[in-house]
């Protein structure tokens, strides 16, 4: 009987020791945790809800470093399930990446349209300051500001880009300055004077009469009439560059000019030499005052050999005598 009791006692003590060992092993290997879901998506294991809050707050701060006014939120509250997991698993999982994918952001941006140009700023103050800057440079400039909510900050207008756009707005809205016309010489002053010589000399080294002869067949009649002066001459007689500049066109013009040369002299001034029988320059060529451009002819809409000489300022035909007077 005594031996039986000893056996039972030994067995109980052994079982208690085994159970205790297993229990201690489990406690040392597995830890209590919360299994976390958002919108049904598994995010990961956290030691407790407080650790979840710490990770979430870190990610909020990450977004606020981009824009302190950003709205950061989750579409639904997290769901926590208590469980036990291996201690090593807590450090192996990437809860930051999983939770970041569920975080929603809402940025406020200000879409500004000035004179048809669209820009995007992150603050209303920036947009308003830009409008005031534009109005200081351009009278009655049209502008509007629209508040928008976006999930990502994209296509924000940089300071350099905004400055370049403003420079373009100012440039295209600046008033066209037309030279004031001096008293026009009488027709007879030019109609009977013929210059003889192969090369017309420059006046002060900058301007020349655009061909050999000076017979005026048809005078300037204004914007809605004859836009230039027609200088008579024999077929093939030399045509010269009135001033130095860059040839921007040399070829056939189907609007009536026929063979035609156009020279850009800068400051918006372009001279046109029309009805040429031949062309002696090409587009892109730089010429000086007095350089040969081609020969007088009657190509295009012309009834006789002559040079149609025209001056345009910012695209508007003006009286050529503004420039020819005194040459």
Protein backbone atom coordinates (compact mmCIF):
# COMPACT_ATOMS: atom_id res chain seq x y z
CA UNK A 1 0.00 0.00 0.00
CA UNK A 2 2.80 2.39 0.90
CA UNK A 3 4.59 1.68 -2.33
CA UNK A 4 1.42 2.45 -4.25
CA UNK A 5 1.04 5.80 -2.55
CA UNK A 6 4.66 6.58 -3.30
CA UNK A 7 4.08 5.73 -6.96
CA UNK A 8 0.99 7.94 -7.19
CA UNK A 9 2.76 10.84 -5.46
CA UNK A 10 5.76 10.49 -7.74
CA UNK A 11 3.51 10.44 -10.78
CA UNK A 12 1.62 13.57 -9.69
CA UNK A 13 4.84 15.44 -8.96
CA UNK A 14 6.25 14.43 -12.35
CA UNK A 15 3.14 15.59 -14.17
CA UNK A 16 3.20 18.92 -12.32
CA UNK A 17 6.84 19.42 -13.26
CA UNK A 18 6.20 18.50 -16.87
CA UNK A 19 3.19 20.83 -17.06
CA UNK A 20 5.16 23.63 -15.45
CA UNK A 21 8.02 23.15 -17.90
CA UNK A 22 5.63 23.21 -20.86
CA UNK A 23 3.85 26.27 -19.46
CA UNK A 24 7.13 28.16 -18.95
CA UNK A 25 8.27 27.20 -22.43
CA UNK A 26 5.04 28.52 -23.94
CA UNK A 27 5.30 31.75 -21.95
CA UNK A 28 8.89 32.27 -23.09
CA UNK A 29 8.14 31.45 -26.76
CA UNK A 30 4.65 32.93 -27.32
CA UNK A 31 3.48 36.39 -26.36
CA UNK A 32 0.01 37.90 -26.11
CA UNK A 33 -0.78 40.08 -29.16
CA UNK A 34 -3.62 41.63 -31.13
CA UNK A 35 -4.31 40.49 -34.69
CA UNK A 36 -5.32 43.66 -36.56
CA UNK A 37 -7.64 44.15 -39.55
CA UNK A 38 -8.74 47.31 -41.45
CA UNK A 39 -11.52 47.05 -44.04
CA UNK A 40 -11.15 43.29 -43.78
CA UNK A 41 -7.48 43.49 -44.77
CA UNK A 42 -4.97 41.87 -42.43
CA UNK A 43 -2.44 44.49 -41.27
CA UNK A 44 -0.32 42.46 -38.85
CA UNK A 45 0.26 41.58 -35.22
CA UNK A 46 0.81 44.25 -32.59
CA UNK A 47 1.81 43.68 -28.98
CA UNK A 48 -1.23 45.74 -28.00
CA UNK A 49 -3.50 48.52 -29.29
CA UNK A 50 -1.10 51.15 -27.96
CA UNK A 51 1.65 49.89 -30.29
CA UNK A 52 -0.80 50.17 -33.20
CA UNK A 53 -1.45 53.82 -32.25
CA UNK A 54 2.31 54.52 -32.13
CA UNK A 55 2.85 53.11 -35.62
CA UNK A 56 -0.18 55.01 -36.96
CA UNK A 57 1.05 58.29 -35.43
CA UNK A 58 4.48 57.79 -37.02
CA UNK A 59 2.84 57.46 -40.44
CA UNK A 60 0.67 60.55 -39.85
CA UNK A 61 3.83 62.55 -39.03
CA UNK A 62 5.39 61.21 -42.23
CA UNK A 63 2.53 62.69 -44.29
CA UNK A 64 2.58 65.96 -42.34
CA UNK A 65 6.23 66.42 -43.25
CA UNK A 66 4.99 66.80 -46.83
CA UNK A 67 2.20 69.23 -45.91
CA UNK A 68 1.34 70.14 -42.34
CA UNK A 69 -2.27 70.83 -43.36
CA UNK A 70 -2.87 67.38 -44.84
CA UNK A 71 -5.85 65.40 -43.60
CA UNK A 72 -4.81 61.83 -42.67
CA UNK A 73 -7.44 59.17 -41.87
CA UNK A 74 -8.53 55.53 -42.07
CA UNK A 75 -11.72 54.67 -43.94
CA UNK A 76 -12.77 52.40 -41.06
CA UNK A 77 -11.72 51.71 -37.50
CA UNK A 78 -9.20 48.91 -36.93
CA UNK A 79 -10.49 45.57 -35.61
CA UNK A 80 -8.34 43.84 -32.95
CA UNK A 81 -8.43 40.11 -32.13
CA UNK A 82 -6.53 38.92 -29.06
CA UNK A 83 -4.16 36.01 -29.70
CA UNK A 84 -0.73 34.59 -28.93
CA UNK A 85 2.16 34.53 -31.36
CA UNK A 86 5.82 33.70 -31.32
CA UNK A 87 7.86 36.60 -30.02
CA UNK A 88 10.10 36.55 -33.09
CA UNK A 89 7.12 37.10 -35.42
CA UNK A 90 6.47 40.56 -33.96
CA UNK A 91 9.82 41.75 -35.28
CA UNK A 92 9.70 39.91 -38.61
CA UNK A 93 6.50 41.45 -40.01
CA UNK A 94 6.32 44.79 -41.88
CA UNK A 95 3.32 46.50 -40.30
CA UNK A 96 4.47 49.96 -41.47
CA UNK A 97 4.14 49.00 -45.13
CA UNK A 98 0.78 47.28 -44.61
CA UNK A 99 -0.70 50.12 -42.58
CA UNK A 100 0.66 52.78 -44.94
CA UNK A 101 -1.31 51.17 -47.77
CA UNK A 102 -4.56 51.65 -45.82
CA UNK A 103 -3.96 55.26 -44.78
CA UNK A 104 -5.91 57.85 -46.77
CA UNK A 105 -4.69 61.42 -47.35
CA UNK A 106 -6.47 64.56 -48.44
CA UNK A 107 -4.40 67.58 -49.53
CA UNK A 108 -5.92 70.99 -50.22
CA UNK A 109 -4.53 72.69 -53.33
CA UNK A 110 -5.41 75.93 -55.12
CA UNK A 111 -5.76 75.79 -58.88
CA UNK A 112 -5.07 79.23 -60.32
CA UNK A 113 -5.89 80.34 -63.87
CA UNK A 114 -4.37 83.66 -64.99
CA UNK A 115 -4.88 84.86 -68.57
CA UNK A 116 -5.67 81.27 -69.58
CA UNK A 117 -2.52 79.83 -67.93
CA UNK A 118 -3.19 77.11 -65.31
CA UNK A 119 -1.02 76.70 -62.18
CA UNK A 120 -1.36 74.79 -58.90
CA UNK A 121 -0.24 76.07 -55.48
CA UNK A 122 -0.31 74.46 -52.04
CA UNK A 123 -1.50 77.57 -50.18
CA UNK A 124 -4.12 80.20 -50.87
CA UNK A 125 -1.59 82.89 -49.90
CA UNK A 126 0.70 81.83 -52.75
CA UNK A 127 -2.14 81.91 -55.28
CA UNK A 128 -3.39 85.33 -54.12
CA UNK A 129 0.12 86.79 -54.16
CA UNK A 130 0.59 85.58 -57.73
CA UNK A 131 -2.68 87.19 -58.84
CA UNK A 132 -1.66 90.52 -57.29
CA UNK A 133 1.72 90.31 -59.00
CA UNK A 134 0.07 89.68 -62.36
CA UNK A 135 -2.42 92.54 -61.89
CA UNK A 136 0.42 94.91 -61.07
CA UNK A 137 1.98 94.13 -64.46
CA UNK A 138 -1.09 93.66 -66.70
CA UNK A 139 -4.23 95.78 -66.55
CA UNK A 140 -7.56 93.90 -66.34
CA UNK A 141 -5.90 90.48 -66.36
CA UNK A 142 -8.45 87.68 -65.91
CA UNK A 143 -7.87 85.27 -63.03
CA UNK A 144 -9.69 82.67 -60.93
CA UNK A 145 -8.80 80.45 -57.95
CA UNK A 146 -10.46 77.07 -57.37
CA UNK A 147 -10.01 75.04 -54.19
CA UNK A 148 -9.53 71.31 -54.82
CA UNK A 149 -9.06 68.23 -52.63
CA UNK A 150 -6.53 65.68 -53.90
CA UNK A 151 -5.09 62.46 -52.52
CA UNK A 152 -1.54 63.18 -53.68
CA UNK A 153 0.48 66.37 -54.23
CA UNK A 154 1.21 66.22 -57.96
CA UNK A 155 1.98 68.83 -60.64
CA UNK A 156 2.60 71.60 -58.13
CA UNK A 157 3.88 74.67 -59.98
CA UNK A 158 7.45 75.54 -59.01
CA UNK A 159 8.54 79.13 -58.35
CA UNK A 160 10.69 79.18 -61.51
CA UNK A 161 7.85 77.84 -63.65
CA UNK A 162 5.40 80.39 -62.22
CA UNK A 163 7.86 83.23 -62.91
CA UNK A 164 8.33 82.06 -66.52
CA UNK A 165 4.57 81.90 -67.06
CA UNK A 166 4.16 85.42 -65.66
CA UNK A 167 6.90 86.71 -67.98
CA UNK A 168 5.00 85.19 -70.96
CA UNK A 169 1.73 86.78 -69.81
CA UNK A 170 3.37 90.19 -69.49
CA UNK A 171 5.07 89.85 -72.87
CA UNK A 172 1.93 88.97 -74.81
CA UNK A 173 -0.14 91.68 -73.12
CA UNK A 174 2.29 94.55 -73.57
CA UNK A 175 0.89 97.30 -75.82
CA UNK A 176 2.06 97.49 -79.41
CA UNK A 177 4.14 100.62 -79.91
CA UNK A 178 3.82 102.08 -83.41
CA UNK A 179 6.41 104.70 -84.41
CA UNK A 180 5.00 108.18 -84.80
CA UNK A 181 4.96 109.10 -88.46
CA UNK A 182 6.84 112.29 -89.36
CA UNK A 183 5.41 114.56 -92.03
CA UNK A 184 5.29 112.57 -95.23
CA UNK A 185 7.49 113.84 -98.11
CA UNK A 186 5.63 115.00 -101.19
CA UNK A 187 5.29 112.50 -103.97
CA UNK A 188 7.29 114.62 -106.45
CA UNK A 189 10.29 114.65 -104.15
CA UNK A 190 10.78 110.95 -104.87
CA UNK A 191 8.99 110.32 -108.14
CA UNK A 192 11.54 112.03 -110.42
CA UNK A 193 14.81 111.37 -108.53
CA UNK A 194 16.80 108.44 -109.88
CA UNK A 195 19.98 107.27 -108.15
CA UNK A 196 22.64 105.91 -110.48
CA UNK A 197 25.19 103.37 -109.33
CA UNK A 198 25.61 99.68 -108.69
CA UNK A 199 25.62 99.82 -104.88
CA UNK A 200 23.51 102.19 -102.82
CA UNK A 201 25.64 103.55 -99.96
CA UNK A 202 24.43 103.26 -96.37
CA UNK A 203 23.36 106.29 -94.39
CA UNK A 204 25.44 106.39 -91.17
CA UNK A 205 26.40 102.82 -92.04
CA UNK A 206 22.98 101.46 -90.99
CA UNK A 207 20.33 102.06 -93.69
CA UNK A 208 20.18 102.01 -97.48
CA UNK A 209 17.58 102.68 -100.16
CA UNK A 210 16.29 99.19 -101.04
CA UNK A 211 17.00 99.23 -104.80
CA UNK A 212 18.90 101.14 -107.49
CA UNK A 213 16.07 103.35 -108.72
CA UNK A 214 13.82 105.72 -106.80
CA UNK A 215 10.80 106.00 -109.08
CA UNK A 216 7.68 105.58 -106.93
CA UNK A 217 5.00 103.81 -109.00
CA UNK A 218 2.48 103.45 -106.16
CA UNK A 219 2.64 105.06 -102.74
CA UNK A 220 1.56 103.82 -99.30
CA UNK A 221 -2.22 104.03 -98.82
CA UNK A 222 -2.72 102.87 -95.25
CA UNK A 223 -3.53 99.61 -93.53
CA UNK A 224 -6.65 98.86 -95.61
CA UNK A 225 -5.14 100.04 -98.91
CA UNK A 226 -1.67 99.59 -100.34
CA UNK A 227 0.55 98.51 -97.44
CA UNK A 228 3.91 99.54 -98.92
CA UNK A 229 5.59 101.60 -101.61
CA UNK A 230 6.18 100.33 -105.14
CA UNK A 231 9.57 101.38 -106.49
CA UNK A 232 9.89 100.98 -110.26
CA UNK A 233 12.88 99.36 -111.94
CA UNK A 234 14.01 97.16 -114.78
CA UNK A 235 13.59 93.41 -114.56
CA UNK A 236 16.53 91.94 -112.62
CA UNK A 237 17.66 95.29 -111.13
CA UNK A 238 19.32 94.75 -107.77
CA UNK A 239 17.33 94.74 -104.51
CA UNK A 240 19.22 95.55 -101.29
CA UNK A 241 18.62 94.92 -97.59
CA UNK A 242 17.35 98.18 -96.11
CA UNK A 243 18.97 97.39 -92.71
CA UNK A 244 20.94 94.52 -91.24
CA UNK A 245 18.99 91.60 -89.84
CA UNK A 246 18.08 87.94 -90.25
CA UNK A 247 16.22 86.55 -93.28
CA UNK A 248 13.11 84.85 -91.90
CA UNK A 249 11.54 83.98 -95.27
CA UNK A 250 12.81 83.64 -98.82
CA UNK A 251 10.56 81.94 -101.31
CA UNK A 252 7.16 81.96 -102.98
CA UNK A 253 4.36 83.74 -101.12
CA UNK A 254 0.90 82.71 -102.32
CA UNK A 255 -0.89 85.77 -100.89
CA UNK A 256 0.12 87.88 -103.90
CA UNK A 257 3.73 88.81 -103.11
CA UNK A 258 5.19 86.16 -105.45
CA UNK A 259 8.89 85.64 -104.85
CA UNK A 260 9.45 87.41 -101.59
CA UNK A 261 12.12 88.09 -98.93
CA UNK A 262 11.33 89.00 -95.32
CA UNK A 263 14.00 90.30 -92.93
CA UNK A 264 13.67 90.59 -89.14
CA UNK A 265 15.58 93.64 -87.86
CA UNK A 266 14.69 93.19 -84.16
CA UNK A 267 12.41 95.26 -81.94
CA UNK A 268 9.42 93.90 -83.88
CA UNK A 269 10.52 95.51 -87.19
CA UNK A 270 10.26 93.35 -90.35
CA UNK A 271 10.83 94.55 -93.93
CA UNK A 272 9.30 92.82 -96.96
CA UNK A 273 10.66 92.79 -100.54
CA UNK A 274 8.04 91.42 -102.95
CA UNK A 275 7.52 90.47 -106.65
CA UNK A 276 11.20 89.48 -107.08
CA UNK A 277 12.32 87.94 -110.37
CA UNK A 278 15.04 86.03 -108.52
CA UNK A 279 16.14 85.43 -104.93
CA UNK A 280 19.70 85.74 -103.67
CA UNK A 281 19.34 84.81 -99.98
CA UNK A 282 17.94 81.95 -97.91
CA UNK A 283 15.97 81.79 -94.64
CA UNK A 284 18.24 81.98 -91.62
CA UNK A 285 20.91 84.01 -93.39
CA UNK A 286 22.24 87.10 -91.60
CA UNK A 287 22.54 90.15 -93.87
CA UNK A 288 23.94 93.64 -93.52
CA UNK A 289 22.50 96.90 -94.84
CA UNK A 290 23.09 97.01 -98.60
CA UNK A 291 23.52 93.24 -99.11
CA UNK A 292 22.05 91.84 -102.34
CA UNK A 293 18.68 90.11 -101.84
CA UNK A 294 17.52 89.42 -105.39
CA UNK A 295 16.27 91.07 -108.58
CA UNK A 296 13.27 93.26 -109.33
CA UNK A 297 10.44 91.45 -111.10
CA UNK A 298 6.67 91.11 -111.45
CA UNK A 299 5.93 87.74 -109.82
CA UNK A 300 2.71 87.33 -107.86
CA UNK A 301 0.02 89.97 -108.21
CA UNK A 302 1.89 92.58 -110.24
CA UNK A 303 1.25 94.31 -113.58
CA UNK A 304 4.80 95.54 -114.15
CA UNK A 305 8.36 95.23 -112.90
CA UNK A 306 8.80 96.89 -109.52
CA UNK A 307 9.85 96.31 -105.92
CA UNK A 308 7.03 96.30 -103.38
CA UNK A 309 8.80 97.47 -100.18
CA UNK A 310 6.85 97.08 -96.95
CA UNK A 311 7.58 97.67 -93.25
CA UNK A 312 5.73 95.90 -90.45
CA UNK A 313 6.04 96.59 -86.72
CA UNK A 314 4.81 93.73 -84.52
CA UNK A 315 3.00 92.39 -87.56
CA UNK A 316 1.18 95.65 -88.42
CA UNK A 317 1.95 97.37 -91.76
CA UNK A 318 3.01 100.99 -91.26
CA UNK A 319 4.03 103.83 -93.57
CA UNK A 320 7.51 102.92 -94.92
CA UNK A 321 8.39 106.63 -95.11
CA UNK A 322 8.81 106.51 -91.32
CA UNK A 323 12.03 104.63 -92.10
CA UNK A 324 12.82 105.66 -95.68
CA UNK A 325 12.66 109.41 -95.01
CA UNK A 326 16.17 110.77 -95.29
CA UNK A 327 17.72 107.61 -96.76
